[in-house]
Amino acid sequence: MFLPKYPDSPTPPPAHTHTVADQMPARRPAPQISVSTGAVAAVLVGGVVLTALLAAVAVTAASVAVAAVVLRSLLRDQHRR
C-alpha cells in the first residue's frame, strides 16, 4: 500500500551533447555609477545630525526621568508630614 512503484525498465539518462546554445551567454556591461563628493558629504552630515538628535532625545528623557523621581520623592515627603 505504501510501497513506491518503480518502472519496469528504467530508461538511461540521455547523453549530453554540446551545442551552440550551451555556451555562456554574453554579459552586458554593468551601468556606471558615479558618486559625487557632494552626495557623500550630504550623507555624512545627515548622519551626524540624526545622531545628535538621538543623543539629545536620550539626554532629555533621562533628565525628565530624574526630575520625576525627585518630584515624587518631595511630594511623598510632604504627604507624610
N, C-alpha and C. Protein backbone atom coordinates (compact mmCIF):
# COMPACT_ATOMS: atom_id res chain seq x y z
N MET A 1 0.83 -1.18 0.00
CA MET A 1 0.00 0.00 0.00
C MET A 1 0.88 1.26 0.00
N PHE A 2 1.89 1.31 0.87
CA PHE A 2 2.74 2.49 0.94
C PHE A 2 4.08 2.30 0.24
N LEU A 3 4.24 1.22 -0.49
CA LEU A 3 5.49 0.97 -1.18
C LEU A 3 5.52 1.74 -2.50
N PRO A 4 6.68 2.31 -2.86
CA PRO A 4 6.74 3.05 -4.12
C PRO A 4 6.68 2.10 -5.31
N LYS A 5 6.16 2.60 -6.39
CA LYS A 5 6.08 1.80 -7.62
C LYS A 5 7.20 2.24 -8.54
N TYR A 6 8.08 1.29 -8.88
CA TYR A 6 9.19 1.57 -9.77
C TYR A 6 8.81 1.16 -11.18
N PRO A 7 9.37 1.86 -12.18
CA PRO A 7 9.08 1.43 -13.56
C PRO A 7 9.75 0.07 -13.83
N ASP A 8 9.18 -0.65 -14.75
CA ASP A 8 9.70 -1.97 -15.07
C ASP A 8 11.11 -1.90 -15.66
N SER A 9 11.30 -1.06 -16.63
CA SER A 9 12.64 -0.94 -17.24
C SER A 9 12.99 0.55 -17.26
N PRO A 10 13.83 0.98 -16.34
CA PRO A 10 14.18 2.42 -16.33
C PRO A 10 14.97 2.79 -17.58
N THR A 11 14.71 3.97 -18.07
CA THR A 11 15.42 4.43 -19.26
C THR A 11 16.70 5.13 -18.83
N PRO A 12 17.78 4.93 -19.54
CA PRO A 12 19.04 5.59 -19.17
C PRO A 12 18.93 7.09 -19.44
N PRO A 13 19.67 7.88 -18.70
CA PRO A 13 19.61 9.32 -18.95
C PRO A 13 20.19 9.64 -20.32
N PRO A 14 19.67 10.66 -20.97
CA PRO A 14 20.17 10.97 -22.32
C PRO A 14 21.61 11.47 -22.25
N ALA A 15 22.37 11.12 -23.26
CA ALA A 15 23.77 11.57 -23.34
C ALA A 15 23.78 13.06 -23.65
N HIS A 16 24.62 13.81 -22.94
CA HIS A 16 24.66 15.24 -23.13
C HIS A 16 25.59 15.59 -24.27
N THR A 17 25.08 16.33 -25.21
CA THR A 17 25.92 16.77 -26.32
C THR A 17 26.02 18.28 -26.27
N HIS A 18 27.21 18.79 -26.53
CA HIS A 18 27.42 20.24 -26.50
C HIS A 18 26.90 20.84 -27.79
N THR A 19 26.11 21.88 -27.62
CA THR A 19 25.61 22.61 -28.77
C THR A 19 26.02 24.07 -28.62
N VAL A 20 25.65 24.85 -29.59
CA VAL A 20 25.99 26.28 -29.55
C VAL A 20 25.25 26.95 -28.41
N ALA A 21 24.06 26.49 -28.08
CA ALA A 21 23.26 27.11 -27.03
C ALA A 21 23.86 26.88 -25.65
N ASP A 22 24.75 25.88 -25.49
CA ASP A 22 25.34 25.59 -24.19
C ASP A 22 26.44 26.59 -23.80
N GLN A 23 26.85 27.44 -24.74
CA GLN A 23 27.89 28.38 -24.41
C GLN A 23 27.36 29.43 -23.44
N MET A 24 28.29 30.02 -22.72
CA MET A 24 27.92 31.03 -21.74
C MET A 24 27.39 32.27 -22.46
N PRO A 25 26.25 32.80 -22.01
CA PRO A 25 25.72 33.99 -22.70
C PRO A 25 26.63 35.20 -22.47
N ALA A 26 26.60 36.10 -23.42
CA ALA A 26 27.43 37.30 -23.32
C ALA A 26 26.91 38.18 -22.19
N ARG A 27 27.82 38.69 -21.37
CA ARG A 27 27.42 39.53 -20.24
C ARG A 27 27.28 40.97 -20.71
N ARG A 28 26.22 41.60 -20.24
CA ARG A 28 26.05 43.01 -20.55
C ARG A 28 26.90 43.82 -19.59
N PRO A 29 27.43 44.92 -20.04
CA PRO A 29 28.22 45.74 -19.13
C PRO A 29 27.33 46.36 -18.05
N ALA A 30 27.85 46.40 -16.83
CA ALA A 30 27.10 46.98 -15.72
C ALA A 30 27.03 48.49 -15.89
N PRO A 31 25.93 49.10 -15.50
CA PRO A 31 25.85 50.56 -15.63
C PRO A 31 26.86 51.24 -14.70
N GLN A 32 27.41 52.30 -15.17
CA GLN A 32 28.40 53.04 -14.39
C GLN A 32 27.69 53.89 -13.35
N ILE A 33 28.09 53.74 -12.10
CA ILE A 33 27.51 54.52 -11.02
C ILE A 33 28.59 55.43 -10.48
N SER A 34 28.33 56.72 -10.53
CA SER A 34 29.32 57.67 -10.01
C SER A 34 28.72 58.38 -8.81
N VAL A 35 29.49 58.43 -7.74
CA VAL A 35 29.04 59.09 -6.52
C VAL A 35 29.85 60.36 -6.37
N SER A 36 29.16 61.46 -6.31
CA SER A 36 29.87 62.73 -6.19
C SER A 36 30.24 62.98 -4.73
N THR A 37 31.19 63.86 -4.53
CA THR A 37 31.62 64.18 -3.17
C THR A 37 30.52 64.93 -2.43
N GLY A 38 29.70 65.67 -3.16
CA GLY A 38 28.59 66.37 -2.52
C GLY A 38 27.59 65.40 -1.92
N ALA A 39 27.33 64.30 -2.61
CA ALA A 39 26.39 63.30 -2.09
C ALA A 39 26.96 62.62 -0.85
N VAL A 40 28.25 62.33 -0.87
CA VAL A 40 28.89 61.71 0.29
C VAL A 40 28.85 62.66 1.48
N ALA A 41 29.13 63.93 1.24
CA ALA A 41 29.11 64.92 2.31
C ALA A 41 27.70 65.07 2.87
N ALA A 42 26.69 65.05 2.00
CA ALA A 42 25.30 65.18 2.46
C ALA A 42 24.91 64.01 3.34
N VAL A 43 25.32 62.80 2.97
CA VAL A 43 25.00 61.62 3.78
C VAL A 43 25.71 61.69 5.13
N LEU A 44 26.97 62.11 5.12
CA LEU A 44 27.71 62.22 6.38
C LEU A 44 27.10 63.28 7.30
N VAL A 45 26.76 64.43 6.75
CA VAL A 45 26.15 65.49 7.56
C VAL A 45 24.80 65.03 8.09
N GLY A 46 24.03 64.37 7.26
CA GLY A 46 22.74 63.85 7.71
C GLY A 46 22.90 62.85 8.84
N GLY A 47 23.90 61.98 8.74
CA GLY A 47 24.14 61.02 9.82
C GLY A 47 24.55 61.69 11.11
N VAL A 48 25.39 62.72 11.01
CA VAL A 48 25.81 63.44 12.21
C VAL A 48 24.62 64.15 12.86
N VAL A 49 23.79 64.77 12.05
CA VAL A 49 22.62 65.49 12.58
C VAL A 49 21.65 64.51 13.24
N LEU A 50 21.39 63.39 12.61
CA LEU A 50 20.47 62.41 13.20
C LEU A 50 21.03 61.83 14.49
N THR A 51 22.34 61.59 14.52
CA THR A 51 22.95 61.08 15.74
C THR A 51 22.86 62.11 16.86
N ALA A 52 23.08 63.37 16.55
CA ALA A 52 22.97 64.43 17.56
C ALA A 52 21.54 64.54 18.08
N LEU A 53 20.57 64.43 17.19
CA LEU A 53 19.17 64.49 17.62
C LEU A 53 18.83 63.31 18.53
N LEU A 54 19.31 62.15 18.18
CA LEU A 54 19.05 60.97 19.01
C LEU A 54 19.68 61.12 20.39
N ALA A 55 20.90 61.66 20.43
CA ALA A 55 21.55 61.88 21.72
C ALA A 55 20.79 62.92 22.54
N ALA A 56 20.29 63.96 21.89
CA ALA A 56 19.52 64.98 22.59
C ALA A 56 18.24 64.40 23.17
N VAL A 57 17.58 63.55 22.43
CA VAL A 57 16.35 62.92 22.93
C VAL A 57 16.67 62.02 24.11
N ALA A 58 17.77 61.29 24.05
CA ALA A 58 18.13 60.40 25.16
C ALA A 58 18.46 61.20 26.42
N VAL A 59 19.21 62.29 26.27
CA VAL A 59 19.56 63.12 27.43
C VAL A 59 18.31 63.75 28.02
N THR A 60 17.41 64.23 27.17
CA THR A 60 16.17 64.83 27.64
C THR A 60 15.33 63.81 28.40
N ALA A 61 15.24 62.59 27.88
CA ALA A 61 14.45 61.56 28.55
C ALA A 61 15.05 61.22 29.92
N ALA A 62 16.36 61.16 29.99
CA ALA A 62 16.99 60.88 31.28
C ALA A 62 16.75 62.03 32.27
N SER A 63 16.83 63.26 31.79
CA SER A 63 16.59 64.41 32.66
C SER A 63 15.16 64.43 33.18
N VAL A 64 14.21 64.15 32.32
CA VAL A 64 12.80 64.12 32.74
C VAL A 64 12.58 63.00 33.75
N ALA A 65 13.23 61.86 33.55
CA ALA A 65 13.07 60.75 34.49
C ALA A 65 13.63 61.12 35.85
N VAL A 66 14.80 61.76 35.89
CA VAL A 66 15.39 62.17 37.17
C VAL A 66 14.50 63.21 37.84
N ALA A 67 14.01 64.18 37.07
CA ALA A 67 13.14 65.20 37.65
C ALA A 67 11.86 64.58 38.21
N ALA A 68 11.31 63.58 37.53
CA ALA A 68 10.10 62.92 38.02
C ALA A 68 10.37 62.19 39.32
N VAL A 69 11.51 61.54 39.44
CA VAL A 69 11.84 60.82 40.67
C VAL A 69 12.02 61.80 41.82
N VAL A 70 12.68 62.93 41.57
CA VAL A 70 12.88 63.93 42.61
C VAL A 70 11.55 64.53 43.06
N LEU A 71 10.71 64.90 42.12
CA LEU A 71 9.40 65.46 42.47
C LEU A 71 8.55 64.45 43.22
N ARG A 72 8.61 63.20 42.81
CA ARG A 72 7.83 62.16 43.50
C ARG A 72 8.31 62.02 44.94
N SER A 73 9.61 62.05 45.14
CA SER A 73 10.13 61.91 46.49
C SER A 73 9.77 63.14 47.34
N LEU A 74 9.82 64.35 46.77
CA LEU A 74 9.43 65.55 47.50
C LEU A 74 7.96 65.52 47.87
N LEU A 75 7.12 65.08 46.94
CA LEU A 75 5.69 65.04 47.23
C LEU A 75 5.37 63.96 48.27
N ARG A 76 6.10 62.85 48.23
CA ARG A 76 5.88 61.79 49.20
C ARG A 76 6.25 62.29 50.62
N ASP A 77 7.38 63.02 50.72
CA ASP A 77 7.79 63.56 52.00
C ASP A 77 6.77 64.59 52.53
N GLN A 78 6.21 65.35 51.64
CA GLN A 78 5.23 66.38 52.05
C GLN A 78 3.94 65.71 52.54
N HIS A 79 3.51 64.61 51.94
CA HIS A 79 2.28 63.92 52.35
C HIS A 79 2.47 63.21 53.69
N ARG A 80 3.69 62.83 54.04
CA ARG A 80 3.95 62.13 55.31
C ARG A 80 3.83 63.09 56.50
N ARG A 81 4.08 64.36 56.31
CA ARG A 81 4.08 65.31 57.43
C ARG A 81 2.70 65.68 57.87
